[in-house]
Amino acid sequence: MRVLLLKDVPGLGHAGDIKEVAGGYAQNLLFPRRLASPVTEGAVRHVETIKEAAERKQERKSNEAKALAARLEGKTVIFKARAGEGDRLYGSITNADIAVELNKLAGLEIERRFIEIEHPIKTLGEHKVVIKFGSGANATVYVQVERAAEAA
């Protein structure tokens, strides 16, 4: 029996695929769980429109990510932190701290998981940080860590 998969089915195929399956498998498992439907012209057209909408949505998200990456490219975020001898910070600057400052700078919502640093920043100076938005959109920002004016 030929069926049109409405959702991804492990071991069988992805949504939108037309597969040949046993009649009992289709009648007892796929149809009751709404994982598939019999192949008809209407069902095929319906799945094609769903796929087109998903492609448009993916392209829109990709364009938004690229625009955001272009907007942040080359920006510098400045942190004031207390440091001891050898320009080592008493604390550290993490990707979460960088995300908060970038959100203030750009007025956008950038998640900390997009910011890739190997380890927290623990020294004064300028550090290069890569932000990966997905869809191949990356931005390089610079984190400038300066010594905070300490109270006497």
Protein backbone atom coordinates (compact mmCIF):
# COMPACT_ATOMS: atom_id res chain seq x y z
CA MET A 1 0.00 0.00 0.00
CA ARG A 2 1.34 3.45 -0.90
CA VAL A 3 1.19 6.05 1.87
CA LEU A 4 2.17 9.67 2.19
CA LEU A 5 4.07 10.34 5.42
CA LEU A 6 2.69 13.33 7.31
CA LYS A 7 5.40 13.25 10.01
CA ASP A 8 8.89 11.79 10.29
CA VAL A 9 8.73 8.07 11.08
CA PRO A 10 11.98 6.51 12.36
CA GLY A 11 13.13 3.68 10.13
CA LEU A 12 10.63 4.57 7.40
CA GLY A 13 11.11 8.11 6.13
CA HIS A 14 10.56 11.82 6.51
CA ALA A 15 7.42 13.92 6.26
CA GLY A 16 6.35 14.33 2.64
CA ASP A 17 7.85 11.05 1.43
CA ILE A 18 5.71 8.54 -0.44
CA LYS A 19 6.48 5.01 0.74
CA GLU A 20 5.28 1.50 -0.02
CA VAL A 21 4.29 -0.28 3.22
CA ALA A 22 2.30 -3.31 4.23
CA GLY A 23 -1.46 -2.76 4.45
CA GLY A 24 -1.66 -3.84 8.09
CA TYR A 25 1.18 -1.54 9.09
CA ALA A 26 -0.59 1.39 7.46
CA GLN A 27 -4.07 0.55 8.80
CA ASN A 28 -3.03 -0.38 12.35
CA LEU A 29 -0.18 2.00 13.09
CA LEU A 30 0.34 4.84 10.62
CA PHE A 31 -3.25 5.96 9.96
CA PRO A 32 -4.56 5.86 13.58
CA ARG A 33 -1.55 7.86 14.81
CA ARG A 34 -1.90 10.32 11.94
CA LEU A 35 1.64 9.62 10.79
CA ALA A 36 0.55 8.93 7.21
CA SER A 37 -2.39 9.12 4.87
CA PRO A 38 -3.32 7.28 1.68
CA VAL A 39 -1.74 8.76 -1.44
CA THR A 40 -4.23 11.07 -3.14
CA GLU A 41 -3.74 14.15 -5.30
CA GLY A 42 -5.11 16.39 -2.55
CA ALA A 43 -2.80 14.94 0.08
CA VAL A 44 0.23 15.36 -2.17
CA ARG A 45 -0.68 19.01 -2.89
CA HIS A 46 -1.22 19.63 0.81
CA VAL A 47 2.24 18.30 1.69
CA GLU A 48 3.83 20.31 -1.12
CA THR A 49 2.32 23.53 0.24
CA ILE A 50 3.56 22.65 3.73
CA LYS A 51 7.07 22.04 2.38
CA GLU A 52 7.05 25.34 0.47
CA ALA A 53 5.94 27.21 3.59
CA ALA A 54 8.70 25.54 5.62
CA GLU A 55 11.30 26.52 2.99
CA ARG A 56 10.10 30.14 3.00
CA LYS A 57 10.24 30.21 6.80
CA GLN A 58 13.75 28.74 6.81
CA GLU A 59 14.94 31.27 4.24
CA ARG A 60 13.42 34.15 6.22
CA LYS A 61 15.18 32.96 9.40
CA SER A 62 18.45 32.63 7.47
CA ASN A 63 18.14 36.17 6.10
CA GLU A 64 17.38 37.54 9.57
CA ALA A 65 20.43 35.75 11.00
CA LYS A 66 22.67 37.14 8.25
CA ALA A 67 21.34 40.66 8.81
CA LEU A 68 21.95 40.37 12.55
CA ALA A 69 25.46 39.04 11.94
CA ALA A 70 26.22 41.96 9.61
CA ARG A 71 24.89 44.40 12.20
CA LEU A 72 27.15 43.00 14.95
CA GLU A 73 30.27 42.38 12.84
CA GLY A 74 33.30 44.21 14.24
CA LYS A 75 31.51 45.72 17.26
CA THR A 76 33.45 46.13 20.50
CA VAL A 77 32.02 45.41 23.93
CA ILE A 78 33.84 47.02 26.85
CA PHE A 79 33.96 45.49 30.33
CA LYS A 80 35.40 47.12 33.45
CA ALA A 81 36.72 44.53 35.88
CA ARG A 82 38.96 44.37 38.91
CA ALA A 83 42.34 42.83 38.20
CA GLY A 84 45.32 41.81 40.25
CA GLU A 85 48.96 41.32 39.41
CA GLY A 86 49.79 40.10 35.94
CA ASP A 87 46.55 41.60 34.60
CA ARG A 88 44.55 38.60 35.79
CA LEU A 89 40.91 39.25 36.64
CA TYR A 90 39.57 38.41 40.08
CA GLY A 91 36.56 36.85 38.37
CA SER A 92 35.93 35.97 34.76
CA ILE A 93 33.82 37.12 31.85
CA THR A 94 31.61 34.37 30.43
CA ASN A 95 29.50 34.05 27.32
CA ALA A 96 26.45 34.95 29.44
CA ASP A 97 28.07 38.27 30.44
CA ILE A 98 28.93 38.99 26.81
CA ALA A 99 25.35 38.19 25.76
CA VAL A 100 23.94 40.66 28.29
CA GLU A 101 26.24 43.45 27.06
CA LEU A 102 25.52 42.69 23.40
CA ASN A 103 21.79 42.81 24.13
CA LYS A 104 22.25 46.26 25.64
CA LEU A 105 24.45 47.40 22.74
CA ALA A 106 22.35 46.09 19.87
CA GLY A 107 18.93 46.22 21.48
CA LEU A 108 18.33 42.62 20.41
CA GLU A 109 17.91 39.28 22.12
CA ILE A 110 21.10 37.27 21.58
CA GLU A 111 21.28 33.96 23.40
CA ARG A 112 24.43 33.01 25.25
CA ARG A 113 24.64 29.66 23.48
CA PHE A 114 25.35 31.48 20.20
CA ILE A 115 28.53 32.99 21.66
CA GLU A 116 31.50 30.68 21.36
CA ILE A 117 34.49 31.14 23.60
CA GLU A 118 36.84 28.30 24.50
CA HIS A 119 37.03 29.32 28.15
CA PRO A 120 35.91 32.29 30.24
CA ILE A 121 38.00 35.45 29.75
CA LYS A 122 40.33 35.97 32.73
CA THR A 123 42.82 38.58 31.52
CA LEU A 124 42.79 42.26 30.62
CA GLY A 125 43.03 43.27 26.97
CA GLU A 126 41.16 42.67 23.75
CA HIS A 127 39.69 39.27 22.99
CA LYS A 128 38.12 38.07 19.73
CA VAL A 129 34.78 36.27 20.11
CA VAL A 130 32.75 34.50 17.41
CA ILE A 131 28.96 34.53 17.47
CA LYS A 132 27.33 31.73 15.46
CA PHE A 133 23.69 32.35 14.58
CA GLY A 134 23.25 29.19 12.50
CA SER A 135 22.47 29.06 8.80
CA GLY A 136 26.12 29.88 8.14
CA ALA A 137 25.80 33.37 9.63
CA ASN A 138 28.70 34.28 11.91
CA ALA A 139 29.86 37.57 13.38
CA THR A 140 33.14 38.46 15.03
CA VAL A 141 32.97 40.88 17.95
CA TYR A 142 35.73 42.12 20.19
CA VAL A 143 35.61 42.09 23.97
CA GLN A 144 37.76 44.81 25.53
CA VAL A 145 38.48 44.18 29.21
CA GLU A 146 39.80 47.20 31.09
CA ARG A 147 40.94 47.67 34.64
CA ALA A 148 38.21 49.12 36.84
CA ALA A 149 39.04 52.23 38.81
CA GLU A 150 39.46 50.92 42.33
CA ALA A 151 38.24 52.89 45.30
CA ALA A 152 40.98 54.07 47.69
